[in-house]
Amino acid sequence: MNEHEQRLADLCTAPVENTLDSLNTSLDGLSTKEAKKRLAEYGPNELTHQKRLGFRADMFNRLKSPLAVQLLVIALVSAVIGEHLPGEVDHVVKVEAPFAPAGIRH
């Protein structure tokens, strides 16, 4: 457990009053002074915008997962030997899940 994880674990197990004191906040939230101080120190609370990958790079990243490769191979073998039954969607769901858009997988 790294330093940040240990601090989070300690904060989560401490009494509420102690946690609020150590975070320099209250049940009502940060004071204006503390909010301005943290804004200056850490910057705005925004998500970083990552560059979108092209199709090939995206597929390469997804196929780095051994599970995705395994499921793809299983689906291909199943299709080749004729294991697909009409109306059976288990294969489709299992194969497409690793290739779902990144926002859905988290």
Protein backbone atom coordinates (compact mmCIF):
# COMPACT_ATOMS: atom_id res chain seq x y z
CA MET A 1 0.00 0.00 0.00
CA ASN A 2 1.51 3.34 -1.03
CA GLU A 3 1.48 6.52 1.05
CA HIS A 4 -1.70 7.94 -0.56
CA GLU A 5 -3.61 4.67 -0.20
CA GLN A 6 -2.57 4.42 3.45
CA ARG A 7 -3.73 8.00 4.12
CA LEU A 8 -7.09 7.27 2.48
CA ALA A 9 -7.49 4.10 4.55
CA ASP A 10 -6.65 6.03 7.72
CA LEU A 11 -9.14 8.79 6.86
CA CYS A 12 -11.88 6.26 6.14
CA THR A 13 -11.42 4.45 9.45
CA ALA A 14 -11.03 7.54 11.65
CA PRO A 15 -13.97 9.20 13.40
CA VAL A 16 -15.74 11.79 11.22
CA GLU A 17 -14.61 14.74 13.34
CA ASN A 18 -10.94 13.68 13.08
CA THR A 19 -11.23 13.17 9.32
CA LEU A 20 -12.82 16.59 8.79
CA ASP A 21 -10.14 18.24 10.96
CA SER A 22 -7.28 16.54 9.12
CA LEU A 23 -8.77 17.59 5.77
CA ASN A 24 -9.29 21.15 7.06
CA THR A 25 -12.99 21.13 6.21
CA SER A 26 -16.40 20.79 7.87
CA LEU A 27 -19.74 19.12 7.24
CA ASP A 28 -20.73 22.32 5.40
CA GLY A 29 -17.76 22.02 3.03
CA LEU A 30 -14.66 24.13 2.51
CA SER A 31 -14.46 27.73 3.62
CA THR A 32 -14.04 30.27 0.84
CA LYS A 33 -10.48 30.91 2.01
CA GLU A 34 -9.59 27.21 1.97
CA ALA A 35 -11.27 26.71 -1.43
CA LYS A 36 -9.22 29.57 -2.94
CA LYS A 37 -6.04 28.20 -1.37
CA ARG A 38 -6.66 24.72 -2.82
CA LEU A 39 -7.60 26.14 -6.20
CA ALA A 40 -4.30 28.01 -6.31
CA GLU A 41 -2.35 24.96 -5.11
CA TYR A 42 -4.01 22.15 -7.09
CA GLY A 43 -5.82 23.93 -9.92
CA PRO A 44 -9.45 23.48 -10.97
CA ASN A 45 -11.23 20.21 -10.31
CA GLU A 46 -11.54 19.10 -13.93
CA LEU A 47 -11.10 15.87 -15.80
CA THR A 48 -8.10 15.72 -18.06
CA HIS A 49 -8.89 15.44 -21.74
CA GLN A 50 -7.04 12.59 -23.35
CA LYS A 51 -6.26 12.48 -27.01
CA ARG A 52 -8.59 10.06 -28.81
CA LEU A 53 -6.89 7.11 -30.42
CA GLY A 54 -7.42 6.14 -34.03
CA PHE A 55 -9.16 2.87 -34.86
CA ARG A 56 -5.95 0.82 -35.25
CA ALA A 57 -4.34 2.16 -32.08
CA ASP A 58 -7.57 1.64 -30.15
CA MET A 59 -7.88 -1.98 -31.35
CA PHE A 60 -4.22 -2.63 -30.55
CA ASN A 61 -4.71 -1.34 -26.99
CA ARG A 62 -7.80 -3.46 -26.51
CA LEU A 63 -6.10 -6.59 -27.85
CA LYS A 64 -3.26 -6.22 -25.34
CA SER A 65 -5.62 -7.79 -22.83
CA PRO A 66 -5.15 -11.59 -22.70
CA LEU A 67 -8.84 -11.98 -21.87
CA ALA A 68 -9.92 -10.09 -24.99
CA VAL A 69 -7.62 -12.23 -27.17
CA GLN A 70 -8.85 -15.42 -25.50
CA LEU A 71 -12.49 -14.52 -26.05
CA LEU A 72 -11.83 -13.57 -29.66
CA VAL A 73 -10.08 -16.89 -30.33
CA ILE A 74 -12.90 -18.83 -28.63
CA ALA A 75 -15.48 -17.02 -30.73
CA LEU A 76 -13.55 -17.68 -33.94
CA VAL A 77 -13.07 -21.38 -33.14
CA SER A 78 -16.73 -21.63 -32.22
CA ALA A 79 -17.75 -20.04 -35.51
CA VAL A 80 -15.43 -22.30 -37.53
CA ILE A 81 -16.68 -25.54 -35.95
CA GLY A 82 -20.30 -24.46 -36.15
CA GLU A 83 -21.13 -24.11 -32.46
CA HIS A 84 -23.40 -21.14 -33.10
CA LEU A 85 -27.08 -21.93 -32.61
CA PRO A 86 -29.82 -19.65 -33.97
CA GLY A 87 -31.12 -17.35 -31.24
CA GLU A 88 -28.11 -17.89 -29.01
CA VAL A 89 -26.54 -14.55 -28.10
CA ASP A 90 -24.03 -15.62 -25.44
CA HIS A 91 -21.20 -15.67 -27.98
CA VAL A 92 -21.95 -12.17 -29.22
CA VAL A 93 -22.09 -10.70 -25.72
CA LYS A 94 -18.86 -12.43 -24.65
CA VAL A 95 -16.96 -11.29 -27.72
CA GLU A 96 -18.19 -7.70 -27.82
CA ALA A 97 -17.75 -6.92 -24.10
CA PRO A 98 -13.95 -6.37 -24.26
CA PHE A 99 -14.45 -4.14 -27.29
CA ALA A 100 -17.04 -1.90 -25.62
CA PRO A 101 -16.28 1.82 -25.65
CA ALA A 102 -13.84 2.78 -22.91
CA GLY A 103 -16.43 4.86 -21.02
CA ILE A 104 -18.71 1.85 -20.58
CA ARG A 105 -16.03 -0.50 -19.27
CA HIS A 106 -15.18 1.52 -16.14
